Amino acid sequence: MKRIAVTYDNGQIFQHFGRTEAFKVYEVEDGKVVSSEVMESNGVGHGALAGLLADHTIEVLICGGIGGGAMAALEERGIEVCAGAEGDTDAAVEAYLKGELASAGVTCDHHGEGHTCGD
């Protein structure tokens, strides 16, 4: 079972990781979403969010904008980051599962341009 978290605001991908108030967490089995729930961040920000996600055994984060420090904190915890996403959270997860969700080079600088999340 893989757990994917998406920064969440009213069904859309929230665009500022460090200020997100909620994540939609998806449980995926055999490449298909089997369940999802909204998890509150309880007001913690930036570095603490990486710990929160790690504590909930999140393996992948899909988000809008994210800074280098937060990116490093997530990667240190073994969480794959797919940044620069926008739009509907469910659609983004489906695109990720199909290998069609590209991470923005600006916020995902440890990979070359055109990196596809999930590779």
PDB file of N, CA and C in Angstrom:
ATOM      1  N   MET A   1       0.861  -1.186   0.000  1.00  0.00           N
ATOM      2  CA  MET A   1       0.000   0.000   0.000  1.00  0.00           C
ATOM      3  C   MET A   1       0.897   1.236   0.000  1.00  0.00           C
ATOM      4  N   LYS A   2       0.660   2.128  -0.937  1.00  0.00           N
ATOM      5  CA  LYS A   2       1.407   3.388  -1.034  1.00  0.00           C
ATOM      6  C   LYS A   2       0.501   4.508  -0.553  1.00  0.00           C
ATOM      7  N   ARG A   3       1.093   5.469   0.173  1.00  0.00           N
ATOM      8  CA  ARG A   3       0.329   6.616   0.666  1.00  0.00           C
ATOM      9  C   ARG A   3       0.849   7.881   0.011  1.00  0.00           C
ATOM     10  N   ILE A   4      -0.078   8.617  -0.624  1.00  0.00           N
ATOM     11  CA  ILE A   4       0.231   9.855  -1.332  1.00  0.00           C
ATOM     12  C   ILE A   4      -0.529  10.990  -0.656  1.00  0.00           C
ATOM     13  N   ALA A   5       0.178  12.088  -0.365  1.00  0.00           N
ATOM     14  CA  ALA A   5      -0.474  13.274   0.209  1.00  0.00           C
ATOM     15  C   ALA A   5      -0.430  14.397  -0.816  1.00  0.00           C
ATOM     16  N   VAL A   6      -1.518  15.159  -0.869  1.00  0.00           N
ATOM     17  CA  VAL A   6      -1.601  16.320  -1.762  1.00  0.00           C
ATOM     18  C   VAL A   6      -2.001  17.521  -0.920  1.00  0.00           C
ATOM     19  N   THR A   7      -1.273  18.654  -1.094  1.00  0.00           N
ATOM     20  CA  THR A   7      -1.699  19.871  -0.392  1.00  0.00           C
ATOM     21  C   THR A   7      -3.118  20.175  -0.867  1.00  0.00           C
ATOM     22  N   TYR A   8      -4.002  20.510   0.069  1.00  0.00           N
ATOM     23  CA  TYR A   8      -5.439  20.496  -0.233  1.00  0.00           C
ATOM     24  C   TYR A   8      -6.152  21.753   0.233  1.00  0.00           C
ATOM     25  N   ASP A   9      -6.981  22.300  -0.662  1.00  0.00           N
ATOM     26  CA  ASP A   9      -7.859  23.410  -0.319  1.00  0.00           C
ATOM     27  C   ASP A   9      -9.105  23.333  -1.189  1.00  0.00           C
ATOM     28  N   ASN A  10     -10.207  22.871  -0.611  1.00  0.00           N
ATOM     29  CA  ASN A  10     -11.489  22.827  -1.304  1.00  0.00           C
ATOM     30  C   ASN A  10     -11.420  22.069  -2.637  1.00  0.00           C
ATOM     31  N   GLY A  11     -10.773  20.908  -2.628  1.00  0.00           N
ATOM     32  CA  GLY A  11     -10.705  20.057  -3.813  1.00  0.00           C
ATOM     33  C   GLY A  11      -9.562  20.372  -4.756  1.00  0.00           C
ATOM     34  N   GLN A  12      -8.862  21.488  -4.498  1.00  0.00           N
ATOM     35  CA  GLN A  12      -7.768  21.925  -5.366  1.00  0.00           C
ATOM     36  C   GLN A  12      -6.418  21.769  -4.666  1.00  0.00           C
ATOM     37  N   ILE A  13      -5.349  21.713  -5.457  1.00  0.00           N
ATOM     38  CA  ILE A  13      -4.002  21.649  -4.904  1.00  0.00           C
ATOM     39  C   ILE A  13      -3.649  23.030  -4.352  1.00  0.00           C
ATOM     40  N   PHE A  14      -3.375  23.092  -3.062  1.00  0.00           N
ATOM     41  CA  PHE A  14      -2.983  24.349  -2.417  1.00  0.00           C
ATOM     42  C   PHE A  14      -1.576  24.701  -2.884  1.00  0.00           C
ATOM     43  N   GLN A  15      -1.342  25.968  -3.200  1.00  0.00           N
ATOM     44  CA  GLN A  15      -0.118  26.357  -3.887  1.00  0.00           C
ATOM     45  C   GLN A  15       1.069  26.740  -2.998  1.00  0.00           C
ATOM     46  N   HIS A  16       0.940  26.720  -1.680  1.00  0.00           N
ATOM     47  CA  HIS A  16       2.065  27.081  -0.814  1.00  0.00           C
ATOM     48  C   HIS A  16       2.233  26.003   0.248  1.00  0.00           C
ATOM     49  N   PHE A  17       3.159  25.080  -0.002  1.00  0.00           N
ATOM     50  CA  PHE A  17       3.348  23.936   0.897  1.00  0.00           C
ATOM     51  C   PHE A  17       3.453  24.347   2.364  1.00  0.00           C
ATOM     52  N   GLY A  18       4.290  25.318   2.662  1.00  0.00           N
ATOM     53  CA  GLY A  18       4.548  25.703   4.046  1.00  0.00           C
ATOM     54  C   GLY A  18       3.366  26.296   4.777  1.00  0.00           C
ATOM     55  N   ARG A  19       2.332  26.681   4.045  1.00  0.00           N
ATOM     56  CA  ARG A  19       1.145  27.268   4.681  1.00  0.00           C
ATOM     57  C   ARG A  19      -0.099  26.407   4.526  1.00  0.00           C
ATOM     58  N   THR A  20       0.067  25.199   4.036  1.00  0.00           N
ATOM     59  CA  THR A  20      -1.118  24.360   3.820  1.00  0.00           C
ATOM     60  C   THR A  20      -1.774  23.999   5.149  1.00  0.00           C
ATOM     61  N   GLU A  21      -3.089  24.066   5.167  1.00  0.00           N
ATOM     62  CA  GLU A  21      -3.834  23.733   6.376  1.00  0.00           C
ATOM     63  C   GLU A  21      -4.364  22.312   6.352  1.00  0.00           C
ATOM     64  N   ALA A  22      -4.299  21.665   5.170  1.00  0.00           N
ATOM     65  CA  ALA A  22      -4.801  20.294   5.066  1.00  0.00           C
ATOM     66  C   ALA A  22      -4.123  19.568   3.908  1.00  0.00           C
ATOM     67  N   PHE A  23      -4.097  18.266   4.033  1.00  0.00           N
ATOM     68  CA  PHE A  23      -3.626  17.383   2.969  1.00  0.00           C
ATOM     69  C   PHE A  23      -4.736  16.387   2.675  1.00  0.00           C
ATOM     70  N   LYS A  24      -4.887  16.028   1.417  1.00  0.00           N
ATOM     71  CA  LYS A  24      -5.760  14.907   1.097  1.00  0.00           C
ATOM     72  C   LYS A  24      -4.825  13.727   0.937  1.00  0.00           C
ATOM     73  N   VAL A  25      -5.056  12.691   1.714  1.00  0.00           N
ATOM     74  CA  VAL A  25      -4.189  11.517   1.739  1.00  0.00           C
ATOM     75  C   VAL A  25      -4.898  10.365   1.027  1.00  0.00           C
ATOM     76  N   TYR A  26      -4.203   9.808   0.053  1.00  0.00           N
ATOM     77  CA  TYR A  26      -4.734   8.713  -0.760  1.00  0.00           C
ATOM     78  C   TYR A  26      -3.989   7.420  -0.437  1.00  0.00           C
ATOM     79  N   GLU A  27      -4.724   6.341  -0.276  1.00  0.00           N
ATOM     80  CA  GLU A  27      -4.102   5.032  -0.149  1.00  0.00           C
ATOM     81  C   GLU A  27      -4.245   4.343  -1.496  1.00  0.00           C
ATOM     82  N   VAL A  28      -3.117   3.856  -2.010  1.00  0.00           N
ATOM     83  CA  VAL A  28      -3.072   3.284  -3.355  1.00  0.00           C
ATOM     84  C   VAL A  28      -2.586   1.845  -3.265  1.00  0.00           C
ATOM     85  N   GLU A  29      -3.297   0.964  -3.944  1.00  0.00           N
ATOM     86  CA  GLU A  29      -2.913  -0.439  -4.010  1.00  0.00           C
ATOM     87  C   GLU A  29      -3.038  -0.900  -5.456  1.00  0.00           C
ATOM     88  N   ASP A  30      -2.017  -1.566  -5.952  1.00  0.00           N
ATOM     89  CA  ASP A  30      -1.997  -2.045  -7.336  1.00  0.00           C
ATOM     90  C   ASP A  30      -2.294  -0.936  -8.339  1.00  0.00           C
ATOM     91  N   GLY A  31      -1.759   0.264  -8.075  1.00  0.00           N
ATOM     92  CA  GLY A  31      -1.913   1.377  -9.004  1.00  0.00           C
ATOM     93  C   GLY A  31      -3.274   2.039  -9.006  1.00  0.00           C
ATOM     94  N   LYS A  32      -4.126   1.706  -8.018  1.00  0.00           N
ATOM     95  CA  LYS A  32      -5.469   2.292  -7.949  1.00  0.00           C
ATOM     96  C   LYS A  32      -5.721   2.866  -6.548  1.00  0.00           C
ATOM     97  N   VAL A  33      -6.424   4.001  -6.513  1.00  0.00           N
ATOM     98  CA  VAL A  33      -6.797   4.603  -5.233  1.00  0.00           C
ATOM     99  C   VAL A  33      -7.865   3.729  -4.589  1.00  0.00           C
ATOM    100  N   VAL A  34      -7.593   3.291  -3.347  1.00  0.00           N
ATOM    101  CA  VAL A  34      -8.579   2.470  -2.637  1.00  0.00           C
ATOM    102  C   VAL A  34      -9.307   3.262  -1.550  1.00  0.00           C
ATOM    103  N   SER A  35      -8.689   4.372  -1.097  1.00  0.00           N
ATOM    104  CA  SER A  35      -9.376   5.229  -0.133  1.00  0.00           C
ATOM    105  C   SER A  35      -8.670   6.579  -0.081  1.00  0.00           C
ATOM    106  N   SER A  36      -9.383   7.571   0.463  1.00  0.00           N
ATOM    107  CA  SER A  36      -8.784   8.886   0.666  1.00  0.00           C
ATOM    108  C   SER A  36      -9.468   9.574   1.830  1.00  0.00           C
ATOM    109  N   GLU A  37      -8.729  10.479   2.465  1.00  0.00           N
ATOM    110  CA  GLU A  37      -9.279  11.251   3.574  1.00  0.00           C
ATOM    111  C   GLU A  37      -8.528  12.572   3.664  1.00  0.00           C
ATOM    112  N   VAL A  38      -9.165  13.572   4.242  1.00  0.00           N
ATOM    113  CA  VAL A  38      -8.525  14.872   4.436  1.00  0.00           C
ATOM    114  C   VAL A  38      -7.937  14.895   5.848  1.00  0.00           C
ATOM    115  N   MET A  39      -6.655  15.262   5.919  1.00  0.00           N
ATOM    116  CA  MET A  39      -5.929  15.323   7.180  1.00  0.00           C
ATOM    117  C   MET A  39      -5.527  16.772   7.426  1.00  0.00           C
ATOM    118  N   GLU A  40      -5.871  17.305   8.582  1.00  0.00           N
ATOM    119  CA  GLU A  40      -5.516  18.681   8.934  1.00  0.00           C
ATOM    120  C   GLU A  40      -4.034  18.752   9.309  1.00  0.00           C
ATOM    121  N   SER A  41      -3.395  19.888   9.025  1.00  0.00           N
ATOM    122  CA  SER A  41      -1.989  20.061   9.391  1.00  0.00           C
ATOM    123  C   SER A  41      -1.830  20.581  10.816  1.00  0.00           C
ATOM    124  N   ASN A  42      -2.911  20.961  11.444  1.00  0.00           N
ATOM    125  CA  ASN A  42      -2.912  21.463  12.827  1.00  0.00           C
ATOM    126  C   ASN A  42      -2.023  22.679  13.004  1.00  0.00           C
ATOM    127  N   GLY A  43      -1.913  23.501  11.961  1.00  0.00           N
ATOM    128  CA  GLY A  43      -1.213  24.769  12.072  1.00  0.00           C
ATOM    129  C   GLY A  43       0.302  24.700  12.058  1.00  0.00           C
ATOM    130  N   VAL A  44       0.882  23.496  11.871  1.00  0.00           N
ATOM    131  CA  VAL A  44       2.343  23.437  11.803  1.00  0.00           C
ATOM    132  C   VAL A  44       2.795  23.886  10.423  1.00  0.00           C
ATOM    133  N   GLY A  45       4.001  24.420  10.327  1.00  0.00           N
ATOM    134  CA  GLY A  45       4.479  24.931   9.051  1.00  0.00           C
ATOM    135  C   GLY A  45       5.806  24.337   8.646  1.00  0.00           C
ATOM    136  N   HIS A  46       6.181  24.603   7.435  1.00  0.00           N
ATOM    137  CA  HIS A  46       7.433  24.241   6.782  1.00  0.00           C
ATOM    138  C   HIS A  46       8.068  22.939   7.283  1.00  0.00           C
ATOM    139  N   GLY A  47       9.154  23.013   8.063  1.00  0.00           N
ATOM    140  CA  GLY A  47       9.898  21.835   8.489  1.00  0.00           C
ATOM    141  C   GLY A  47       9.050  20.841   9.268  1.00  0.00           C
ATOM    142  N   ALA A  48       8.154  21.342  10.095  1.00  0.00           N
ATOM    143  CA  ALA A  48       7.306  20.455  10.891  1.00  0.00           C
ATOM    144  C   ALA A  48       6.351  19.650  10.011  1.00  0.00           C
ATOM    145  N   LEU A  49       5.984  20.217   8.854  1.00  0.00           N
ATOM    146  CA  LEU A  49       5.089  19.484   7.951  1.00  0.00           C
ATOM    147  C   LEU A  49       5.756  18.213   7.429  1.00  0.00           C
ATOM    148  N   ALA A  50       7.068  18.260   7.203  1.00  0.00           N
ATOM    149  CA  ALA A  50       7.779  17.064   6.741  1.00  0.00           C
ATOM    150  C   ALA A  50       7.666  15.958   7.786  1.00  0.00           C
ATOM    151  N   GLY A  51       7.821  16.328   9.055  1.00  0.00           N
ATOM    152  CA  GLY A  51       7.682  15.350  10.131  1.00  0.00           C
ATOM    153  C   GLY A  51       6.266  14.810  10.233  1.00  0.00           C
ATOM    154  N   LEU A  52       5.287  15.689  10.073  1.00  0.00           N
ATOM    155  CA  LEU A  52       3.885  15.273  10.109  1.00  0.00           C
ATOM    156  C   LEU A  52       3.605  14.231   9.024  1.00  0.00           C
ATOM    157  N   LEU A  53       4.073  14.502   7.812  1.00  0.00           N
ATOM    158  CA  LEU A  53       3.855  13.559   6.703  1.00  0.00           C
ATOM    159  C   LEU A  53       4.591  12.248   6.954  1.00  0.00           C
ATOM    160  N   ALA A  54       5.824  12.328   7.447  1.00  0.00           N
ATOM    161  CA  ALA A  54       6.589  11.110   7.739  1.00  0.00           C
ATOM    162  C   ALA A  54       5.893  10.290   8.820  1.00  0.00           C
ATOM    163  N   ASP A  55       5.363  10.964   9.837  1.00  0.00           N
ATOM    164  CA  ASP A  55       4.650  10.263  10.915  1.00  0.00           C
ATOM    165  C   ASP A  55       3.417   9.526  10.405  1.00  0.00           C
ATOM    166  N   HIS A  56       2.852   9.992   9.284  1.00  0.00           N
ATOM    167  CA  HIS A  56       1.671   9.356   8.700  1.00  0.00           C
ATOM    168  C   HIS A  56       2.054   8.434   7.525  1.00  0.00           C
ATOM    169  N   THR A  57       3.316   8.044   7.495  1.00  0.00           N
ATOM    170  CA  THR A  57       3.859   7.108   6.491  1.00  0.00           C
ATOM    171  C   THR A  57       3.535   7.505   5.048  1.00  0.00           C
ATOM    172  N   ILE A  58       3.651   8.807   4.771  1.00  0.00           N
ATOM    173  CA  ILE A  58       3.451   9.306   3.415  1.00  0.00           C
ATOM    174  C   ILE A  58       4.715   9.018   2.608  1.00  0.00           C
ATOM    175  N   GLU A  59       4.566   8.502   1.395  1.00  0.00           N
ATOM    176  CA  GLU A  59       5.706   8.190   0.535  1.00  0.00           C
ATOM    177  C   GLU A  59       5.880   9.209  -0.581  1.00  0.00           C
ATOM    178  N   VAL A  60       4.783   9.882  -0.966  1.00  0.00           N
ATOM    179  CA  VAL A  60       4.815  10.837  -2.073  1.00  0.00           C
ATOM    180  C   VAL A  60       4.025  12.075  -1.661  1.00  0.00           C
ATOM    181  N   LEU A  61       4.585  13.260  -1.970  1.00  0.00           N
ATOM    182  CA  LEU A  61       3.862  14.516  -1.770  1.00  0.00           C
ATOM    183  C   LEU A  61       3.676  15.170  -3.129  1.00  0.00           C
ATOM    184  N   ILE A  62       2.441  15.536  -3.442  1.00  0.00           N
ATOM    185  CA  ILE A  62       2.133  16.326  -4.629  1.00  0.00           C
ATOM    186  C   ILE A  62       1.720  17.696  -4.114  1.00  0.00           C
ATOM    187  N   CYS A  63       2.378  18.753  -4.626  1.00  0.00           N
ATOM    188  CA  CYS A  63       2.095  20.092  -4.113  1.00  0.00           C
ATOM    189  C   CYS A  63       2.288  21.135  -5.200  1.00  0.00           C
ATOM    190  N   GLY A  64       1.922  22.366  -4.873  1.00  0.00           N
ATOM    191  CA  GLY A  64       2.182  23.500  -5.754  1.00  0.00           C
ATOM    192  C   GLY A  64       3.598  23.969  -5.512  1.00  0.00           C
ATOM    193  N   GLY A  65       3.754  25.183  -4.976  1.00  0.00           N
ATOM    194  CA  GLY A  65       5.075  25.726  -4.707  1.00  0.00           C
ATOM    195  C   GLY A  65       5.676  25.184  -3.429  1.00  0.00           C
ATOM    196  N   ILE A  66       7.006  25.034  -3.452  1.00  0.00           N
ATOM    197  CA  ILE A  66       7.724  24.557  -2.261  1.00  0.00           C
ATOM    198  C   ILE A  66       9.148  25.102  -2.313  1.00  0.00           C
ATOM    199  N   GLY A  67       9.665  25.489  -1.166  1.00  0.00           N
ATOM    200  CA  GLY A  67      11.026  26.011  -1.097  1.00  0.00           C
ATOM    201  C   GLY A  67      12.064  24.914  -0.930  1.00  0.00           C
ATOM    202  N   GLY A  68      13.314  25.291  -1.106  1.00  0.00           N
ATOM    203  CA  GLY A  68      14.409  24.335  -1.032  1.00  0.00           C
ATOM    204  C   GLY A  68      14.565  23.667   0.322  1.00  0.00           C
ATOM    205  N   GLY A  69      14.367  24.423   1.403  1.00  0.00           N
ATOM    206  CA  GLY A  69      14.501  23.846   2.744  1.00  0.00           C
ATOM    207  C   GLY A  69      13.455  22.779   3.015  1.00  0.00           C
ATOM    208  N   ALA A  70      12.224  23.062   2.645  1.00  0.00           N
ATOM    209  CA  ALA A  70      11.149  22.086   2.835  1.00  0.00           C
ATOM    210  C   ALA A  70      11.372  20.867   1.947  1.00  0.00           C
ATOM    211  N   MET A  71      11.825  21.108   0.716  1.00  0.00           N
ATOM    212  CA  MET A  71      12.114  20.008  -0.204  1.00  0.00           C
ATOM    213  C   MET A  71      13.177  19.086   0.399  1.00  0.00           C
ATOM    214  N   ALA A  72      14.236  19.681   0.946  1.00  0.00           N
ATOM    215  CA  ALA A  72      15.317  18.891   1.552  1.00  0.00           C
ATOM    216  C   ALA A  72      14.814  18.107   2.764  1.00  0.00           C
ATOM    217  N   ALA A  73      13.981  18.739   3.591  1.00  0.00           N
ATOM    218  CA  ALA A  73      13.445  18.069   4.781  1.00  0.00           C
ATOM    219  C   ALA A  73      12.604  16.855   4.397  1.00  0.00           C
ATOM    220  N   LEU A  74      11.815  16.989   3.340  1.00  0.00           N
ATOM    221  CA  LEU A  74      10.988  15.870   2.875  1.00  0.00           C
ATOM    222  C   LEU A  74      11.859  14.753   2.305  1.00  0.00           C
ATOM    223  N   GLU A  75      12.828  15.128   1.496  1.00  0.00           N
ATOM    224  CA  GLU A  75      13.701  14.123   0.886  1.00  0.00           C
ATOM    225  C   GLU A  75      14.514  13.378   1.941  1.00  0.00           C
ATOM    226  N   GLU A  76      14.932  14.079   3.004  1.00  0.00           N
ATOM    227  CA  GLU A  76      15.662  13.431   4.098  1.00  0.00           C
ATOM    228  C   GLU A  76      14.822  12.343   4.752  1.00  0.00           C
ATOM    229  N   ARG A  77      13.520  12.505   4.697  1.00  0.00           N
ATOM    230  CA  ARG A  77      12.611  11.519   5.286  1.00  0.00           C
ATOM    231  C   ARG A  77      12.154  10.475   4.251  1.00  0.00           C
ATOM    232  N   GLY A  78      12.733  10.532   3.059  1.00  0.00           N
ATOM    233  CA  GLY A  78      12.419   9.539   2.036  1.00  0.00           C
ATOM    234  C   GLY A  78      11.109   9.780   1.314  1.00  0.00           C
ATOM    235  N   ILE A  79      10.605  11.018   1.363  1.00  0.00           N
ATOM    236  CA  ILE A  79       9.338  11.335   0.710  1.00  0.00           C
ATOM    237  C   ILE A  79       9.629  11.915  -0.668  1.00  0.00           C
ATOM    238  N   GLU A  80       9.085  11.291  -1.717  1.00  0.00           N
ATOM    239  CA  GLU A  80       9.223  11.803  -3.078  1.00  0.00           C
ATOM    240  C   GLU A  80       8.365  13.058  -3.207  1.00  0.00           C
ATOM    241  N   VAL A  81       8.919  14.113  -3.794  1.00  0.00           N
ATOM    242  CA  VAL A  81       8.192  15.367  -3.943  1.00  0.00           C
ATOM    243  C   VAL A  81       7.911  15.631  -5.417  1.00  0.00           C
ATOM    244  N   CYS A  82       6.651  15.835  -5.733  1.00  0.00           N
ATOM    245  CA  CYS A  82       6.237  16.210  -7.078  1.00  0.00           C
ATOM    246  C   CYS A  82       5.638  17.611  -6.960  1.00  0.00           C
ATOM    247  N   ALA A  83       6.457  18.624  -7.272  1.00  0.00           N
ATOM    248  CA  ALA A  83       6.079  20.022  -7.046  1.00  0.00           C
ATOM    249  C   ALA A  83       5.613  20.692  -8.331  1.00  0.00           C
ATOM    250  N   GLY A  84       4.934  21.818  -8.157  1.00  0.00           N
ATOM    251  CA  GLY A  84       4.479  22.610  -9.292  1.00  0.00           C
ATOM    252  C   GLY A  84       3.150  22.152  -9.870  1.00  0.00           C
ATOM    253  N   ALA A  85       2.472  21.255  -9.162  1.00  0.00           N
ATOM    254  CA  ALA A  85       1.176  20.754  -9.638  1.00  0.00           C
ATOM    255  C   ALA A  85       0.094  21.778  -9.327  1.00  0.00           C
ATOM    256  N   GLU A  86      -0.972  21.738 -10.109  1.00  0.00           N
ATOM    257  CA  GLU A  86      -2.116  22.610  -9.840  1.00  0.00           C
ATOM    258  C   GLU A  86      -3.386  21.935 -10.323  1.00  0.00           C
ATOM    259  N   GLY A  87      -4.521  22.471  -9.851  1.00  0.00           N
ATOM    260  CA  GLY A  87      -5.810  21.932 -10.267  1.00  0.00           C
ATOM    261  C   GLY A  87      -6.391  20.963  -9.255  1.00  0.00           C
ATOM    262  N   ASP A  88      -7.225  20.076  -9.741  1.00  0.00           N
ATOM    263  CA  ASP A  88      -7.971  19.119  -8.925  1.00  0.00           C
ATOM    264  C   ASP A  88      -7.043  18.071  -8.304  1.00  0.00           C
ATOM    265  N   THR A  89      -7.189  17.833  -7.006  1.00  0.00           N
ATOM    266  CA  THR A  89      -6.305  16.878  -6.323  1.00  0.00           C
ATOM    267  C   THR A  89      -6.492  15.457  -6.839  1.00  0.00           C
ATOM    268  N   ASP A  90      -7.734  15.028  -7.035  1.00  0.00           N
ATOM    269  CA  ASP A  90      -7.976  13.657  -7.521  1.00  0.00           C
ATOM    270  C   ASP A  90      -7.354  13.443  -8.899  1.00  0.00           C
ATOM    271  N   ALA A  91      -7.495  14.432  -9.770  1.00  0.00           N
ATOM    272  CA  ALA A  91      -6.936  14.340 -11.123  1.00  0.00           C
ATOM    273  C   ALA A  91      -5.412  14.280 -11.076  1.00  0.00           C
ATOM    274  N   ALA A  92      -4.802  15.030 -10.158  1.00  0.00           N
ATOM    275  CA  ALA A  92      -3.341  15.019 -10.036  1.00  0.00           C
ATOM    276  C   ALA A  92      -2.839  13.646  -9.601  1.00  0.00           C
ATOM    277  N   VAL A  93      -3.540  13.024  -8.668  1.00  0.00           N
ATOM    278  CA  VAL A  93      -3.133  11.685  -8.211  1.00  0.00           C
ATOM    279  C   VAL A  93      -3.278  10.679  -9.350  1.00  0.00           C
ATOM    280  N   GLU A  94      -4.360  10.772 -10.097  1.00  0.00           N
ATOM    281  CA  GLU A  94      -4.540   9.862 -11.244  1.00  0.00           C
ATOM    282  C   GLU A  94      -3.421  10.066 -12.260  1.00  0.00           C
ATOM    283  N   ALA A  95      -3.052  11.321 -12.527  1.00  0.00           N
ATOM    284  CA  ALA A  95      -1.957  11.607 -13.463  1.00  0.00           C
ATOM    285  C   ALA A  95      -0.641  11.046 -12.925  1.00  0.00           C
ATOM    286  N   TYR A  96      -0.409  11.173 -11.623  1.00  0.00           N
ATOM    287  CA  TYR A  96       0.798  10.625 -11.003  1.00  0.00           C
ATOM    288  C   TYR A  96       0.844   9.111 -11.207  1.00  0.00           C
ATOM    289  N   LEU A  97      -0.267   8.455 -10.946  1.00  0.00           N
ATOM    290  CA  LEU A  97      -0.308   6.991 -11.051  1.00  0.00           C
ATOM    291  C   LEU A  97      -0.077   6.512 -12.483  1.00  0.00           C
ATOM    292  N   LYS A  98      -0.423   7.341 -13.458  1.00  0.00           N
ATOM    293  CA  LYS A  98      -0.199   7.001 -14.866  1.00  0.00           C
ATOM    294  C   LYS A  98       1.193   7.417 -15.340  1.00  0.00           C
ATOM    295  N   GLY A  99       1.974   8.061 -14.451  1.00  0.00           N
ATOM    296  CA  GLY A  99       3.297   8.542 -14.832  1.00  0.00           C
ATOM    297  C   GLY A  99       3.254   9.783 -15.698  1.00  0.00           C
ATOM    298  N   GLU A 100       2.151  10.537 -15.612  1.00  0.00           N
ATOM    299  CA  GLU A 100       1.949  11.706 -16.468  1.00  0.00           C
ATOM    300  C   GLU A 100       2.086  13.037 -15.735  1.00  0.00           C
ATOM    301  N   LEU A 101       2.448  13.013 -14.459  1.00  0.00           N
ATOM    302  CA  LEU A 101       2.531  14.254 -13.693  1.00  0.00           C
ATOM    303  C   LEU A 101       3.982  14.714 -13.662  1.00  0.00           C
ATOM    304  N   ALA A 102       4.263  15.836 -14.315  1.00  0.00           N
ATOM    305  CA  ALA A 102       5.631  16.372 -14.368  1.00  0.00           C
ATOM    306  C   ALA A 102       5.862  17.319 -13.205  1.00  0.00           C
ATOM    307  N   SER A 103       7.047  17.234 -12.617  1.00  0.00           N
ATOM    308  CA  SER A 103       7.413  18.139 -11.534  1.00  0.00           C
ATOM    309  C   SER A 103       8.116  19.354 -12.118  1.00  0.00           C
ATOM    310  N   ALA A 104       7.786  20.538 -11.612  1.00  0.00           N
ATOM    311  CA  ALA A 104       8.397  21.774 -12.106  1.00  0.00           C
ATOM    312  C   ALA A 104       9.877  21.818 -11.743  1.00  0.00           C
ATOM    313  N   GLY A 105      10.689  22.205 -12.695  1.00  0.00           N
ATOM    314  CA  GLY A 105      12.117  22.275 -12.463  1.00  0.00           C
ATOM    315  C   GLY A 105      12.519  23.267 -11.381  1.00  0.00           C
ATOM    316  N   VAL A 106      11.751  24.336 -11.223  1.00  0.00           N
ATOM    317  CA  VAL A 106      12.095  25.378 -10.268  1.00  0.00           C
ATOM    318  C   VAL A 106      12.037  24.858  -8.843  1.00  0.00           C
ATOM    319  N   THR A 107      11.051  24.042  -8.549  1.00  0.00           N
ATOM    320  CA  THR A 107      10.871  23.569  -7.177  1.00  0.00           C
ATOM    321  C   THR A 107      11.319  22.129  -7.014  1.00  0.00           C
ATOM    322  N   CYS A 108      11.885  21.558  -8.037  1.00  0.00           N
ATOM    323  CA  CYS A 108      12.325  20.163  -7.979  1.00  0.00           C
ATOM    324  C   CYS A 108      13.725  20.114  -8.592  1.00  0.00           C
ATOM    325  N   ASP A 109      14.651  20.921  -8.020  1.00  0.00           N
ATOM    326  CA  ASP A 109      15.940  21.134  -8.667  1.00  0.00           C
ATOM    327  C   ASP A 109      16.943  20.003  -8.533  1.00  0.00           C
ATOM    328  N   HIS A 110      16.591  18.941  -7.824  1.00  0.00           N
ATOM    329  CA  HIS A 110      17.512  17.810  -7.747  1.00  0.00           C
ATOM    330  C   HIS A 110      17.377  16.898  -8.965  1.00  0.00           C
ATOM    331  N   HIS A 111      16.407  17.190  -9.820  1.00  0.00           N
ATOM    332  CA  HIS A 111      16.204  16.432 -11.056  1.00  0.00           C
ATOM    333  C   HIS A 111      16.400  17.380 -12.233  1.00  0.00           C
ATOM    334  N   GLY A 112      16.633  16.825 -13.382  1.00  0.00           N
ATOM    335  CA  GLY A 112      16.739  17.651 -14.577  1.00  0.00           C
ATOM    336  C   GLY A 112      15.378  18.155 -15.007  1.00  0.00           C
ATOM    337  N   GLU A 113      15.376  19.112 -15.908  1.00  0.00           N
ATOM    338  CA  GLU A 113      14.120  19.625 -16.451  1.00  0.00           C
ATOM    339  C   GLU A 113      13.332  18.478 -17.068  1.00  0.00           C
ATOM    340  N   GLY A 114      12.038  18.540 -16.959  1.00  0.00           N
ATOM    341  CA  GLY A 114      11.185  17.530 -17.578  1.00  0.00           C
ATOM    342  C   GLY A 114      11.058  16.259 -16.762  1.00  0.00           C
ATOM    343  N   HIS A 115      11.505  16.272 -15.512  1.00  0.00           N
ATOM    344  CA  HIS A 115      11.362  15.093 -14.650  1.00  0.00           C
ATOM    345  C   HIS A 115       9.883  14.719 -14.509  1.00  0.00           C
ATOM    346  N   THR A 116       9.586  13.461 -14.660  1.00  0.00           N
ATOM    347  CA  THR A 116       8.231  12.975 -14.460  1.00  0.00           C
ATOM    348  C   THR A 116       8.165  12.281 -13.108  1.00  0.00           C
ATOM    349  N   CYS A 117       7.282  12.718 -12.249  1.00  0.00           N
ATOM    350  CA  CYS A 117       7.160  12.111 -10.926  1.00  0.00           C
ATOM    351  C   CYS A 117       6.702  10.661 -11.070  1.00  0.00           C
ATOM    352  N   GLY A 118       7.203   9.835 -10.173  1.00  0.00           N
ATOM    353  CA  GLY A 118       6.839   8.430 -10.192  1.00  0.00           C
ATOM    354  C   GLY A 118       7.814   7.582 -10.982  1.00  0.00           C
ATOM    355  N   ASP A 119       8.779   8.196 -11.678  1.00  0.00           N
ATOM    356  CA  ASP A 119       9.783   7.435 -12.436  1.00  0.00           C
ATOM    357  C   ASP A 119      10.767   6.797 -11.487  1.00  0.00           C
TER     358      ASP A 119
END
